[in-house]
C-alpha cells in the first residue's frame, strides 16, 4: 500500500510540471507556421513579386517580417543573402529604414550663469 501511495504522490507532483510545459510547445498555429515558412521561401526565391505577394496574402508588414522573422536560425535578411537572394534582402533591409545615431556627449553645452 505504501508503494501505491508513493506512486500516486509522485504522479500528482509531476502533473503541474507537465501541464505547464505543454502550452509552450504548441504555441504556434499551423496557419501561422505555414505563413512564416512561405515568407522564408519567398525571401529565398529572390523575386520581389513573390515576396510582396506572400506578405500581402498573409497580411504581414514587410518591416515586421524584416525585424522579427527567423528562418533556419538566422534573421530573414541574412537568410536571403546566404542563398544569393540580393533583391529580396535589399528590399527587407530598406523596409527597416535608416538609423540615425546622435552622440549626446559631443553636443555643444549651453553655459548658463545665474
Protein backbone atom coordinates (compact mmCIF):
# COMPACT_ATOMS: atom_id res chain seq x y z
CA UNK A 1 0.00 0.00 0.00
CA UNK A 2 2.85 2.42 0.64
CA UNK A 3 4.26 1.86 -2.86
CA UNK A 4 0.88 2.76 -4.34
CA UNK A 5 0.74 5.94 -2.25
CA UNK A 6 4.27 6.91 -3.26
CA UNK A 7 3.47 6.39 -6.95
CA UNK A 8 0.26 8.36 -6.65
CA UNK A 9 2.07 11.20 -4.86
CA UNK A 10 4.84 11.28 -7.49
CA UNK A 11 2.26 11.37 -10.28
CA UNK A 12 0.31 14.16 -8.58
CA UNK A 13 3.51 16.18 -8.13
CA UNK A 14 4.57 15.78 -11.78
CA UNK A 15 1.21 16.72 -13.35
CA UNK A 16 1.56 20.51 -12.85
CA UNK A 17 5.04 20.44 -14.40
CA UNK A 18 3.76 18.55 -17.43
CA UNK A 19 0.74 20.82 -17.76
CA UNK A 20 2.94 23.94 -17.80
CA UNK A 21 5.29 22.57 -20.47
CA UNK A 22 2.60 21.60 -22.97
CA UNK A 23 1.38 25.09 -23.99
CA UNK A 24 4.92 26.27 -24.75
CA UNK A 25 5.40 23.51 -27.31
CA UNK A 26 2.10 24.10 -29.09
CA UNK A 27 2.18 27.90 -29.14
CA UNK A 28 2.12 28.36 -32.93
CA UNK A 29 -0.91 27.52 -35.01
CA UNK A 30 -0.43 25.52 -38.22
CA UNK A 31 -1.68 28.51 -40.24
CA UNK A 32 0.96 30.84 -38.77
CA UNK A 33 3.69 28.25 -39.24
CA UNK A 34 2.74 27.84 -42.92
CA UNK A 35 2.67 31.63 -43.38
CA UNK A 36 6.14 32.10 -41.95
CA UNK A 37 7.58 29.21 -43.96
CA UNK A 38 6.06 30.68 -47.13
CA UNK A 39 7.61 34.08 -46.38
CA UNK A 40 11.01 32.44 -45.84
CA UNK A 41 10.68 30.62 -49.16
CA UNK A 42 9.67 33.85 -50.90
CA UNK A 43 12.68 35.66 -49.43
CA UNK A 44 14.93 32.84 -50.62
CA UNK A 45 13.50 32.98 -54.16
CA UNK A 46 14.99 36.45 -54.96
CA UNK A 47 11.67 37.51 -56.51
CA UNK A 48 10.25 40.79 -55.26
CA UNK A 49 6.87 39.96 -56.78
CA UNK A 50 6.72 36.68 -54.88
CA UNK A 51 7.84 38.32 -51.61
CA UNK A 52 5.30 41.14 -51.92
CA UNK A 53 2.51 38.74 -52.87
CA UNK A 54 3.25 36.40 -49.99
CA UNK A 55 3.43 39.12 -47.35
CA UNK A 56 0.25 40.75 -48.64
CA UNK A 57 -1.65 37.47 -48.85
CA UNK A 58 -0.91 36.77 -45.19
CA UNK A 59 -1.41 40.45 -44.25
CA UNK A 60 2.08 40.85 -42.86
CA UNK A 61 4.07 44.08 -42.87
CA UNK A 62 7.46 43.91 -44.54
CA UNK A 63 9.08 45.82 -41.69
CA UNK A 64 7.72 43.37 -39.11
CA UNK A 65 8.95 40.45 -41.18
CA UNK A 66 12.41 42.00 -41.54
CA UNK A 67 12.75 42.73 -37.83
CA UNK A 68 11.20 39.63 -36.24
CA UNK A 69 11.25 36.63 -38.59
CA UNK A 70 13.89 33.94 -38.16
CA UNK A 71 14.50 31.41 -40.94
CA UNK A 72 16.60 28.35 -40.08
CA UNK A 73 18.12 30.07 -37.06
CA UNK A 74 19.12 33.35 -38.70
CA UNK A 75 17.27 36.57 -39.42
CA UNK A 76 15.41 36.70 -42.72
CA UNK A 77 17.78 39.24 -44.31
CA UNK A 78 20.88 37.13 -43.59
CA UNK A 79 18.97 34.04 -44.69
CA UNK A 80 18.13 35.63 -48.06
CA UNK A 81 21.71 36.82 -48.53
CA UNK A 82 23.11 33.37 -47.75
CA UNK A 83 21.06 31.96 -50.64
CA UNK A 84 22.12 34.75 -53.01
CA UNK A 85 18.75 36.49 -52.95
CA UNK A 86 20.15 40.02 -53.04
CA UNK A 87 16.98 41.71 -54.32
CA UNK A 88 14.73 40.43 -51.56
CA UNK A 89 17.42 41.03 -48.92
CA UNK A 90 17.79 44.64 -50.10
CA UNK A 91 14.01 45.18 -50.02
CA UNK A 92 13.77 43.82 -46.49
CA UNK A 93 16.72 45.97 -45.43
CA UNK A 94 15.11 49.10 -46.93
CA UNK A 95 11.86 48.36 -45.11
CA UNK A 96 13.61 48.73 -41.76
CA UNK A 97 14.56 52.31 -42.59
CA UNK A 98 17.55 54.39 -41.74
CA UNK A 99 19.06 54.63 -38.31
CA UNK A 100 20.42 57.92 -37.03
CA UNK A 101 22.93 57.91 -34.21
CA UNK A 102 23.38 61.09 -32.22
CA UNK A 103 26.36 61.37 -29.94
CA UNK A 104 24.91 63.14 -26.93
CA UNK A 105 28.31 63.70 -25.31
CA UNK A 106 29.63 65.55 -28.38
CA UNK A 107 26.84 68.12 -28.44
CA UNK A 108 27.76 71.67 -27.54
CA UNK A 109 26.99 72.60 -23.99
CA UNK A 110 24.96 75.64 -23.08
CA UNK A 111 26.53 77.85 -20.44
CA UNK A 112 24.08 79.38 -18.02
CA UNK A 113 25.00 81.83 -15.28
CA UNK A 114 22.67 82.99 -12.54
